[in-house]
N, C-alpha and C. Protein backbone atom coordinates (compact mmCIF):
# COMPACT_ATOMS: atom_id res chain seq x y z
N UNK A 1 165.26 126.18 111.22
CA UNK A 1 165.72 125.82 112.55
C UNK A 1 165.21 126.81 113.59
N UNK A 2 165.28 128.11 113.23
CA UNK A 2 164.82 129.17 114.13
C UNK A 2 163.34 128.98 114.47
N UNK A 3 162.52 128.64 113.45
CA UNK A 3 161.09 128.44 113.66
C UNK A 3 160.80 127.19 114.48
N UNK A 4 161.63 126.16 114.30
CA UNK A 4 161.47 124.94 115.10
C UNK A 4 161.71 125.23 116.58
N UNK A 5 162.74 126.04 116.86
CA UNK A 5 163.05 126.40 118.23
C UNK A 5 161.91 127.23 118.85
N UNK A 6 161.38 128.19 118.09
CA UNK A 6 160.25 128.99 118.57
C UNK A 6 159.03 128.12 118.82
N UNK A 7 158.76 127.18 117.93
CA UNK A 7 157.63 126.27 118.09
C UNK A 7 157.80 125.42 119.35
N UNK A 8 159.03 124.92 119.57
CA UNK A 8 159.31 124.12 120.75
C UNK A 8 159.09 124.91 122.04
N UNK A 9 159.60 126.15 122.07
CA UNK A 9 159.40 127.02 123.25
C UNK A 9 157.92 127.32 123.47
N UNK A 10 157.21 127.62 122.39
CA UNK A 10 155.78 127.90 122.49
C UNK A 10 155.03 126.69 123.06
N UNK A 11 155.37 125.50 122.57
CA UNK A 11 154.73 124.26 123.05
C UNK A 11 155.01 124.04 124.53
N UNK A 12 156.27 124.28 124.92
CA UNK A 12 156.64 124.08 126.31
C UNK A 12 155.87 125.01 127.24
N UNK A 13 155.81 126.30 126.87
CA UNK A 13 155.07 127.26 127.71
C UNK A 13 153.57 126.98 127.69
N UNK A 14 153.07 126.50 126.58
CA UNK A 14 151.64 126.15 126.50
C UNK A 14 151.32 125.03 127.46
N UNK A 15 152.22 124.03 127.55
CA UNK A 15 152.01 122.91 128.46
C UNK A 15 152.05 123.37 129.91
N UNK A 16 153.02 124.23 130.21
CA UNK A 16 153.12 124.74 131.59
C UNK A 16 151.85 125.51 131.95
N UNK A 17 151.39 126.34 131.02
CA UNK A 17 150.19 127.13 131.26
C UNK A 17 148.98 126.23 131.47
N UNK A 18 148.88 125.18 130.65
CA UNK A 18 147.74 124.26 130.75
C UNK A 18 147.75 123.57 132.11
N UNK A 19 148.93 123.15 132.57
CA UNK A 19 149.03 122.49 133.86
C UNK A 19 148.64 123.41 135.00
N UNK A 20 149.06 124.68 134.94
CA UNK A 20 148.68 125.58 136.03
C UNK A 20 147.19 125.86 136.01
N UNK A 21 146.58 125.86 134.84
CA UNK A 21 145.13 126.02 134.78
C UNK A 21 144.44 124.84 135.44
N UNK A 22 144.96 123.63 135.22
CA UNK A 22 144.38 122.43 135.84
C UNK A 22 144.51 122.49 137.35
N UNK A 23 145.66 123.01 137.84
CA UNK A 23 145.85 123.13 139.28
C UNK A 23 144.79 124.03 139.88
N UNK A 24 144.57 125.19 139.28
CA UNK A 24 143.58 126.14 139.78
C UNK A 24 142.18 125.52 139.71
N UNK A 25 141.92 124.79 138.62
CA UNK A 25 140.60 124.18 138.44
C UNK A 25 140.31 123.14 139.52
N UNK A 26 141.37 122.47 140.02
CA UNK A 26 141.18 121.44 141.03
C UNK A 26 140.67 122.03 142.35
N UNK A 27 140.97 123.29 142.60
CA UNK A 27 140.52 123.92 143.84
C UNK A 27 139.05 124.31 143.72
N UNK A 28 138.26 123.82 144.64
CA UNK A 28 136.85 124.19 144.66
C UNK A 28 136.68 125.52 145.39
N UNK A 29 135.64 126.24 145.02
CA UNK A 29 135.27 127.43 145.78
C UNK A 29 134.56 126.94 147.04
N UNK A 30 135.04 127.37 148.19
CA UNK A 30 134.39 127.02 149.46
C UNK A 30 133.46 128.17 149.83
N UNK A 31 132.18 127.86 149.93
CA UNK A 31 131.17 128.85 150.27
C UNK A 31 130.79 128.66 151.74
N UNK A 32 130.93 129.70 152.52
CA UNK A 32 130.58 129.65 153.95
C UNK A 32 129.22 130.29 154.12
N UNK A 33 128.27 129.51 154.64
CA UNK A 33 126.88 129.97 154.77
C UNK A 33 126.43 129.94 156.23
N UNK A 34 126.44 131.09 156.92
CA UNK A 34 125.90 131.13 158.28
C UNK A 34 124.38 130.89 158.26
N UNK A 35 123.91 130.12 159.23
CA UNK A 35 122.49 129.77 159.32
C UNK A 35 121.86 130.38 160.57
N UNK A 36 120.61 130.81 160.44
CA UNK A 36 119.89 131.35 161.59
C UNK A 36 120.60 132.53 162.21
N UNK A 37 120.84 132.45 163.52
CA UNK A 37 121.45 133.57 164.24
C UNK A 37 122.97 133.42 164.39
N UNK A 38 123.59 132.65 163.51
CA UNK A 38 125.04 132.45 163.63
C UNK A 38 125.75 133.80 163.53
N UNK A 39 126.67 134.07 164.47
CA UNK A 39 127.32 135.38 164.55
C UNK A 39 128.27 135.61 163.37
N UNK A 40 128.09 136.76 162.71
CA UNK A 40 128.93 137.11 161.57
C UNK A 40 130.41 137.22 161.97
N UNK A 41 130.68 137.66 163.20
CA UNK A 41 132.06 137.79 163.67
C UNK A 41 132.75 136.42 163.67
N UNK A 42 132.04 135.40 164.13
CA UNK A 42 132.59 134.04 164.15
C UNK A 42 132.71 133.49 162.72
N UNK A 43 131.74 133.79 161.87
CA UNK A 43 131.78 133.36 160.48
C UNK A 43 132.97 134.00 159.76
N UNK A 44 133.24 135.27 160.07
CA UNK A 44 134.37 135.98 159.48
C UNK A 44 135.70 135.33 159.88
N UNK A 45 135.77 134.88 161.13
CA UNK A 45 136.98 134.20 161.62
C UNK A 45 137.21 132.90 160.85
N UNK A 46 136.16 132.13 160.63
CA UNK A 46 136.26 130.90 159.84
C UNK A 46 136.70 131.23 158.42
N UNK A 47 136.12 132.29 157.86
CA UNK A 47 136.47 132.74 156.50
C UNK A 47 137.98 133.00 156.38
N UNK A 48 138.54 133.75 157.32
CA UNK A 48 139.96 134.10 157.30
C UNK A 48 140.82 132.84 157.41
N UNK A 49 140.42 131.92 158.30
CA UNK A 49 141.20 130.69 158.50
C UNK A 49 141.16 129.79 157.26
N UNK A 50 139.99 129.67 156.64
CA UNK A 50 139.86 128.85 155.43
C UNK A 50 140.64 129.47 154.27
N UNK A 51 140.62 130.80 154.19
CA UNK A 51 141.33 131.50 153.11
C UNK A 51 142.83 131.20 153.12
N UNK A 52 143.37 130.86 154.28
CA UNK A 52 144.78 130.52 154.38
C UNK A 52 145.11 129.20 153.67
N UNK A 53 144.12 128.32 153.55
CA UNK A 53 144.37 127.04 152.87
C UNK A 53 143.72 126.96 151.50
N UNK A 54 142.80 127.88 151.21
CA UNK A 54 142.16 127.91 149.90
C UNK A 54 141.73 129.35 149.63
N UNK A 55 142.44 130.04 148.72
CA UNK A 55 142.10 131.44 148.45
C UNK A 55 140.72 131.61 147.82
N UNK A 56 140.14 130.53 147.32
CA UNK A 56 138.82 130.61 146.68
C UNK A 56 137.74 130.32 147.72
N UNK A 57 137.46 131.31 148.54
CA UNK A 57 136.45 131.16 149.59
C UNK A 57 135.54 132.38 149.59
N UNK A 58 134.26 132.14 149.85
CA UNK A 58 133.26 133.20 149.84
C UNK A 58 132.45 133.10 151.12
N UNK A 59 132.23 134.23 151.77
CA UNK A 59 131.38 134.29 152.97
C UNK A 59 130.07 134.97 152.60
N UNK A 60 128.96 134.27 152.80
CA UNK A 60 127.64 134.81 152.51
C UNK A 60 126.99 135.37 153.77
N UNK A 61 125.95 136.13 153.60
CA UNK A 61 125.16 136.63 154.72
C UNK A 61 124.28 135.53 155.29
N UNK A 62 123.79 135.73 156.49
CA UNK A 62 122.94 134.72 157.15
C UNK A 62 121.65 134.46 156.38
N UNK A 63 121.24 133.20 156.40
CA UNK A 63 119.92 132.81 155.88
C UNK A 63 119.22 131.99 156.96
N UNK A 64 117.93 131.87 156.83
CA UNK A 64 117.17 131.02 157.76
C UNK A 64 117.46 129.55 157.46
N UNK A 65 117.25 128.70 158.47
CA UNK A 65 117.37 127.27 158.24
C UNK A 65 116.34 126.86 157.20
N UNK A 66 116.66 125.87 156.36
CA UNK A 66 115.71 125.46 155.33
C UNK A 66 114.37 125.02 155.92
N UNK A 67 113.31 125.33 155.19
CA UNK A 67 111.96 124.94 155.61
C UNK A 67 111.90 123.42 155.71
N UNK A 68 111.31 122.94 156.79
CA UNK A 68 111.16 121.50 156.99
C UNK A 68 112.35 120.83 157.64
N UNK A 69 113.40 121.60 158.01
CA UNK A 69 114.58 120.98 158.61
C UNK A 69 114.51 120.92 160.14
N UNK A 70 113.53 121.61 160.73
CA UNK A 70 113.43 121.63 162.19
C UNK A 70 112.70 120.38 162.69
N UNK A 71 113.32 119.69 163.66
CA UNK A 71 112.73 118.49 164.27
C UNK A 71 112.22 118.89 165.65
N UNK A 72 110.95 119.23 165.71
CA UNK A 72 110.33 119.81 166.91
C UNK A 72 110.44 118.93 168.16
N UNK A 73 110.24 117.59 168.08
CA UNK A 73 110.29 116.78 169.31
C UNK A 73 111.60 116.92 170.10
N UNK A 74 112.71 117.21 169.41
CA UNK A 74 114.00 117.33 170.10
C UNK A 74 114.58 118.74 170.02
N UNK A 75 113.85 119.67 169.42
CA UNK A 75 114.30 121.06 169.30
C UNK A 75 115.65 121.16 168.57
N UNK A 76 115.75 120.40 167.46
CA UNK A 76 116.98 120.34 166.68
C UNK A 76 116.68 120.55 165.21
N UNK A 77 117.73 120.82 164.46
CA UNK A 77 117.60 120.90 163.00
C UNK A 77 118.24 119.66 162.39
N UNK A 78 117.58 119.09 161.39
CA UNK A 78 118.07 117.89 160.73
C UNK A 78 119.19 118.23 159.75
N UNK A 79 120.39 117.71 160.03
CA UNK A 79 121.56 118.01 159.20
C UNK A 79 121.39 117.55 157.76
N UNK A 80 120.78 116.38 157.56
CA UNK A 80 120.59 115.87 156.21
C UNK A 80 119.69 116.77 155.38
N UNK A 81 118.65 117.33 156.01
CA UNK A 81 117.75 118.26 155.31
C UNK A 81 118.47 119.56 154.96
N UNK A 82 119.32 120.03 155.88
CA UNK A 82 120.09 121.25 155.62
C UNK A 82 121.02 121.05 154.43
N UNK A 83 121.76 119.94 154.44
CA UNK A 83 122.70 119.63 153.36
C UNK A 83 121.98 119.53 152.02
N UNK A 84 120.85 118.83 152.01
CA UNK A 84 120.08 118.66 150.77
C UNK A 84 119.69 120.01 150.17
N UNK A 85 119.31 120.94 151.04
CA UNK A 85 118.92 122.27 150.57
C UNK A 85 120.12 123.09 150.13
N UNK A 86 121.18 123.09 150.92
CA UNK A 86 122.35 123.91 150.62
C UNK A 86 123.02 123.52 149.30
N UNK A 87 123.12 122.22 149.03
CA UNK A 87 123.86 121.78 147.84
C UNK A 87 123.18 122.20 146.54
N UNK A 88 121.90 122.53 146.61
CA UNK A 88 121.17 122.95 145.41
C UNK A 88 121.39 124.43 145.09
N UNK A 89 122.13 125.13 145.95
CA UNK A 89 122.30 126.58 145.79
C UNK A 89 123.71 127.00 145.42
N UNK A 90 124.53 126.05 144.91
CA UNK A 90 125.91 126.39 144.55
C UNK A 90 126.27 125.81 143.20
N UNK A 91 127.37 126.29 142.64
CA UNK A 91 127.85 125.82 141.35
C UNK A 91 128.52 124.47 141.44
N UNK A 92 128.81 123.89 140.28
CA UNK A 92 129.37 122.53 140.27
C UNK A 92 130.81 122.46 140.79
N UNK A 93 131.55 123.55 140.74
CA UNK A 93 132.93 123.55 141.24
C UNK A 93 133.02 124.19 142.63
N UNK A 94 131.94 124.06 143.39
CA UNK A 94 131.88 124.66 144.73
C UNK A 94 131.46 123.63 145.76
N UNK A 95 131.78 123.93 147.00
CA UNK A 95 131.29 123.17 148.14
C UNK A 95 130.83 124.19 149.17
N UNK A 96 129.74 123.91 149.85
CA UNK A 96 129.19 124.87 150.80
C UNK A 96 129.16 124.25 152.20
N UNK A 97 129.52 125.07 153.19
CA UNK A 97 129.48 124.62 154.58
C UNK A 97 128.54 125.54 155.36
N UNK A 98 127.51 124.94 155.95
CA UNK A 98 126.56 125.68 156.77
C UNK A 98 127.06 125.76 158.20
N UNK A 99 126.99 126.95 158.80
CA UNK A 99 127.46 127.17 160.17
C UNK A 99 126.26 127.42 161.08
N UNK A 100 126.22 126.69 162.20
CA UNK A 100 125.07 126.77 163.09
C UNK A 100 125.47 126.88 164.55
N UNK A 101 124.70 127.68 165.29
CA UNK A 101 124.80 127.67 166.76
C UNK A 101 123.79 126.68 167.34
N UNK A 102 122.77 126.35 166.57
CA UNK A 102 121.71 125.46 167.03
C UNK A 102 122.14 124.00 166.94
N UNK A 103 121.50 123.16 167.74
CA UNK A 103 121.80 121.73 167.74
C UNK A 103 121.34 121.11 166.42
N UNK A 104 122.11 120.14 165.92
CA UNK A 104 121.76 119.44 164.68
C UNK A 104 121.79 117.93 164.93
N UNK A 105 121.12 117.18 164.05
CA UNK A 105 121.04 115.73 164.23
C UNK A 105 120.90 115.03 162.90
N UNK A 106 121.07 113.70 162.96
CA UNK A 106 120.86 112.85 161.79
C UNK A 106 120.41 111.48 162.28
N UNK A 107 120.11 110.58 161.38
CA UNK A 107 119.79 109.20 161.74
C UNK A 107 121.08 108.41 161.70
N UNK A 108 121.36 107.69 162.78
CA UNK A 108 122.61 106.93 162.86
C UNK A 108 122.42 105.68 163.70
N UNK A 109 122.97 104.57 163.22
CA UNK A 109 122.91 103.28 163.95
C UNK A 109 121.50 102.93 164.43
N UNK A 110 120.52 103.18 163.58
CA UNK A 110 119.14 102.85 163.92
C UNK A 110 118.46 103.86 164.82
N UNK A 111 119.19 104.88 165.25
CA UNK A 111 118.60 105.93 166.09
C UNK A 111 118.13 107.05 165.17
N UNK A 112 116.84 107.35 165.24
CA UNK A 112 116.24 108.31 164.31
C UNK A 112 116.81 109.72 164.44
N UNK A 113 117.09 110.14 165.66
CA UNK A 113 117.51 111.52 165.86
C UNK A 113 118.75 111.56 166.76
N UNK A 114 119.91 111.36 166.15
CA UNK A 114 121.19 111.31 166.87
C UNK A 114 121.83 112.70 166.80
N UNK A 115 122.06 113.31 167.95
CA UNK A 115 122.69 114.64 168.00
C UNK A 115 124.14 114.57 167.55
N UNK A 116 124.54 115.50 166.69
CA UNK A 116 125.89 115.50 166.12
C UNK A 116 126.50 116.90 166.13
N UNK A 117 127.81 116.95 165.91
CA UNK A 117 128.51 118.24 165.79
C UNK A 117 128.56 118.68 164.34
N UNK A 118 128.61 117.71 163.43
CA UNK A 118 128.69 118.05 162.01
C UNK A 118 128.36 116.86 161.14
N UNK A 119 128.05 117.15 159.87
CA UNK A 119 127.76 116.09 158.92
C UNK A 119 128.22 116.53 157.54
N UNK A 120 128.92 115.64 156.88
CA UNK A 120 129.34 115.87 155.51
C UNK A 120 129.40 114.54 154.79
N UNK A 121 128.82 114.45 153.60
CA UNK A 121 128.86 113.21 152.84
C UNK A 121 130.14 113.17 152.03
N UNK A 122 130.62 111.95 151.74
CA UNK A 122 131.86 111.82 150.97
C UNK A 122 131.66 111.01 149.71
N UNK A 123 132.06 111.55 148.60
CA UNK A 123 132.28 112.99 148.42
C UNK A 123 130.95 113.70 148.40
N UNK A 124 130.97 115.00 148.51
CA UNK A 124 129.72 115.75 148.55
C UNK A 124 129.93 117.20 148.19
N UNK A 125 128.82 117.91 148.07
CA UNK A 125 128.85 119.33 147.71
C UNK A 125 128.49 120.23 148.88
N UNK A 126 128.08 119.62 149.99
CA UNK A 126 127.66 120.43 151.13
C UNK A 126 127.91 119.69 152.44
N UNK A 127 128.11 120.47 153.49
CA UNK A 127 128.22 119.92 154.84
C UNK A 127 127.67 120.97 155.80
N UNK A 128 127.44 120.55 157.04
CA UNK A 128 126.94 121.49 158.05
C UNK A 128 127.64 121.19 159.37
N UNK A 129 127.95 122.25 160.11
CA UNK A 129 128.61 122.10 161.41
C UNK A 129 127.89 122.97 162.44
N UNK A 130 127.97 122.51 163.69
CA UNK A 130 127.34 123.25 164.79
C UNK A 130 128.29 123.33 165.97
N UNK A 131 128.34 124.48 166.62
CA UNK A 131 129.19 124.62 167.82
C UNK A 131 128.41 124.30 169.10
N UNK A 132 127.18 123.84 168.96
CA UNK A 132 126.29 123.58 170.10
C UNK A 132 126.91 122.58 171.09
N UNK A 133 127.59 121.56 170.59
CA UNK A 133 128.12 120.48 171.44
C UNK A 133 129.61 120.63 171.76
N UNK A 134 130.21 121.72 171.37
CA UNK A 134 131.63 121.92 171.62
C UNK A 134 131.87 122.48 173.02
N UNK A 135 133.05 122.20 173.56
CA UNK A 135 133.35 122.71 174.90
C UNK A 135 133.55 124.22 174.84
N UNK A 136 133.18 124.90 175.89
CA UNK A 136 133.26 126.37 175.92
C UNK A 136 134.71 126.86 176.01
N UNK A 137 135.57 126.03 176.60
CA UNK A 137 136.95 126.44 176.88
C UNK A 137 137.70 126.91 175.62
N UNK A 138 137.68 126.14 174.58
CA UNK A 138 138.37 126.54 173.34
C UNK A 138 137.48 126.27 172.13
N UNK A 139 136.29 126.82 172.22
CA UNK A 139 135.26 126.58 171.21
C UNK A 139 135.69 127.00 169.81
N UNK A 140 136.34 128.15 169.67
CA UNK A 140 136.72 128.64 168.33
C UNK A 140 137.69 127.70 167.64
N UNK A 141 138.70 127.23 168.37
CA UNK A 141 139.68 126.31 167.79
C UNK A 141 139.02 124.99 167.42
N UNK A 142 138.18 124.48 168.31
CA UNK A 142 137.46 123.22 168.03
C UNK A 142 136.53 123.38 166.83
N UNK A 143 135.89 124.53 166.73
CA UNK A 143 134.94 124.75 165.64
C UNK A 143 135.66 124.74 164.29
N UNK A 144 136.82 125.37 164.22
CA UNK A 144 137.59 125.39 162.97
C UNK A 144 138.01 123.97 162.58
N UNK A 145 138.45 123.17 163.56
CA UNK A 145 138.82 121.78 163.30
C UNK A 145 137.62 121.00 162.78
N UNK A 146 136.45 121.27 163.34
CA UNK A 146 135.21 120.61 162.91
C UNK A 146 134.88 120.98 161.45
N UNK A 147 135.03 122.25 161.11
CA UNK A 147 134.78 122.69 159.73
C UNK A 147 135.72 121.95 158.78
N UNK A 148 137.01 121.87 159.13
CA UNK A 148 137.97 121.17 158.28
C UNK A 148 137.63 119.69 158.14
N UNK A 149 137.20 119.07 159.24
CA UNK A 149 136.81 117.66 159.23
C UNK A 149 135.69 117.40 158.22
N UNK A 150 134.64 118.19 158.30
CA UNK A 150 133.49 117.97 157.40
C UNK A 150 133.83 118.33 155.95
N UNK A 151 134.64 119.38 155.75
CA UNK A 151 135.08 119.69 154.39
C UNK A 151 135.95 118.56 153.84
N UNK A 152 136.74 117.92 154.72
CA UNK A 152 137.53 116.76 154.31
C UNK A 152 136.65 115.64 153.77
N UNK A 153 135.52 115.42 154.44
CA UNK A 153 134.56 114.41 153.95
C UNK A 153 134.04 114.78 152.57
N UNK A 154 133.71 116.06 152.36
CA UNK A 154 133.17 116.45 151.05
C UNK A 154 134.18 116.22 149.94
N UNK A 155 135.46 116.26 150.26
CA UNK A 155 136.50 115.99 149.26
C UNK A 155 136.65 114.49 149.00
N UNK A 156 136.10 113.66 149.91
CA UNK A 156 136.16 112.21 149.72
C UNK A 156 136.91 111.46 150.80
N UNK A 157 137.41 112.16 151.83
CA UNK A 157 138.16 111.49 152.89
C UNK A 157 137.23 110.73 153.84
N UNK A 158 137.58 109.48 154.18
CA UNK A 158 136.83 108.75 155.21
C UNK A 158 137.38 109.13 156.59
N UNK A 159 136.82 108.54 157.65
CA UNK A 159 137.40 108.73 158.97
C UNK A 159 138.77 108.05 159.01
N UNK A 160 139.65 108.59 159.84
CA UNK A 160 141.03 108.12 159.94
C UNK A 160 141.24 107.45 161.29
N UNK A 161 142.09 106.44 161.33
CA UNK A 161 142.36 105.71 162.58
C UNK A 161 143.39 106.42 163.46
N UNK A 162 144.13 107.36 162.89
CA UNK A 162 145.17 108.06 163.66
C UNK A 162 144.50 109.07 164.61
N UNK A 163 144.78 108.92 165.90
CA UNK A 163 144.07 109.68 166.94
C UNK A 163 144.32 111.18 166.89
N UNK A 164 145.46 111.62 166.35
CA UNK A 164 145.77 113.05 166.30
C UNK A 164 145.33 113.69 164.98
N UNK A 165 144.75 112.90 164.07
CA UNK A 165 144.33 113.41 162.76
C UNK A 165 142.96 114.09 162.86
N UNK A 166 142.79 115.17 162.11
CA UNK A 166 141.51 115.89 162.11
C UNK A 166 140.38 115.06 161.53
N UNK A 167 140.69 113.97 160.82
CA UNK A 167 139.65 113.13 160.23
C UNK A 167 139.25 111.97 161.15
N UNK A 168 139.71 112.00 162.38
CA UNK A 168 139.35 110.98 163.36
C UNK A 168 137.84 110.97 163.58
N UNK A 169 137.28 109.79 163.81
CA UNK A 169 135.85 109.66 164.12
C UNK A 169 135.63 110.08 165.57
N UNK A 170 134.67 110.97 165.80
CA UNK A 170 134.38 111.45 167.16
C UNK A 170 133.80 110.34 168.03
N UNK A 171 133.15 109.36 167.42
CA UNK A 171 132.55 108.22 168.13
C UNK A 171 131.67 108.65 169.29
N UNK A 172 130.89 109.69 169.07
CA UNK A 172 129.95 110.15 170.09
C UNK A 172 130.56 111.05 171.14
N UNK A 173 131.86 111.34 171.05
CA UNK A 173 132.53 112.19 172.02
C UNK A 173 133.02 113.48 171.38
N UNK A 174 133.99 114.10 172.02
CA UNK A 174 134.60 115.32 171.49
C UNK A 174 136.12 115.20 171.60
N UNK A 175 136.76 114.66 170.54
CA UNK A 175 138.21 114.45 170.59
C UNK A 175 139.05 115.61 170.05
N UNK A 176 138.45 116.77 169.81
CA UNK A 176 139.16 117.85 169.10
C UNK A 176 140.42 118.33 169.80
N UNK A 177 140.46 118.29 171.12
CA UNK A 177 141.67 118.75 171.82
C UNK A 177 142.85 117.80 171.58
N UNK A 178 142.57 116.54 171.24
CA UNK A 178 143.64 115.57 170.96
C UNK A 178 144.09 115.64 169.50
N UNK A 179 143.26 116.22 168.65
CA UNK A 179 143.58 116.29 167.22
C UNK A 179 144.48 117.49 166.96
N UNK A 180 145.57 117.27 166.23
CA UNK A 180 146.55 118.32 165.98
C UNK A 180 146.45 118.89 164.57
N UNK A 181 146.36 118.01 163.57
CA UNK A 181 146.29 118.42 162.17
C UNK A 181 145.90 117.19 161.34
N UNK A 182 145.89 117.33 160.03
CA UNK A 182 145.68 116.16 159.18
C UNK A 182 146.93 115.30 159.22
N UNK A 183 146.76 113.97 159.25
CA UNK A 183 147.92 113.07 159.18
C UNK A 183 148.52 113.17 157.78
N UNK A 184 149.68 112.58 157.57
CA UNK A 184 150.37 112.69 156.28
C UNK A 184 149.53 112.17 155.11
N UNK A 185 148.83 111.05 155.30
CA UNK A 185 148.02 110.48 154.22
C UNK A 185 146.85 111.39 153.87
N UNK A 186 146.15 111.88 154.90
CA UNK A 186 144.99 112.77 154.67
C UNK A 186 145.46 114.09 154.06
N UNK A 187 146.60 114.60 154.55
CA UNK A 187 147.15 115.85 154.03
C UNK A 187 147.51 115.70 152.55
N UNK A 188 148.15 114.59 152.22
CA UNK A 188 148.56 114.33 150.84
C UNK A 188 147.34 114.26 149.92
N UNK A 189 146.28 113.61 150.39
CA UNK A 189 145.04 113.50 149.62
C UNK A 189 144.45 114.88 149.36
N UNK A 190 144.39 115.70 150.40
CA UNK A 190 143.80 117.04 150.27
C UNK A 190 144.66 117.95 149.38
N UNK A 191 145.98 117.80 149.46
CA UNK A 191 146.86 118.57 148.58
C UNK A 191 146.58 118.22 147.12
N UNK A 192 146.28 116.94 146.86
CA UNK A 192 145.96 116.53 145.47
C UNK A 192 144.66 117.15 144.99
N UNK A 193 143.84 117.62 145.94
CA UNK A 193 142.58 118.29 145.61
C UNK A 193 142.72 119.81 145.55
N UNK A 194 143.97 120.29 145.73
CA UNK A 194 144.22 121.73 145.62
C UNK A 194 144.32 122.48 146.93
N UNK A 195 144.20 121.76 148.07
CA UNK A 195 144.33 122.43 149.37
C UNK A 195 145.78 122.85 149.56
N UNK A 196 145.99 124.03 150.10
CA UNK A 196 147.34 124.54 150.32
C UNK A 196 147.72 124.31 151.79
N UNK A 197 148.09 123.07 152.09
CA UNK A 197 148.47 122.70 153.45
C UNK A 197 149.97 122.61 153.56
N UNK A 198 150.51 123.01 154.70
CA UNK A 198 151.96 122.97 154.93
C UNK A 198 152.35 121.56 155.33
């Protein structure tokens, strides 16, 4: 009887331990990669803010934009080319976000070079954001919201119809001042992916 009780306790603690390992495994390492002349001070601020929702975050030193990503006719960098390059430089349980001060673009709605604030595929291993198109008034706050938006896409979130949600579609504008946080559905989805959201 004594051994049965010990076996039962051992099994129970083993299950609890296994579940907590799965929880930790669900959290991806978020790699922050400043591009070009992106200021380390601003990258450090993003690092601290992301660390509050995911302790598994790494800030790398600046690298040059990937070769072939510059679109000379519009003096922009192609977001899709950046993402393609960045995703090849991280592990399978990681996601990388490129930070840029320079303008970025992609092909959208038949327009070959559409200027954007950020791009992230869903789901995906990489995204890129730029503060080039953000308002000067509260650029830092808007930039952090933009980072969260694109990371949300990499986790698999689509655009959200709720106007105050961080996953709202910008639709060619800048709605960040109206966005407050993730809506309940988006928040619940991200929590299931290991995000530590209140």
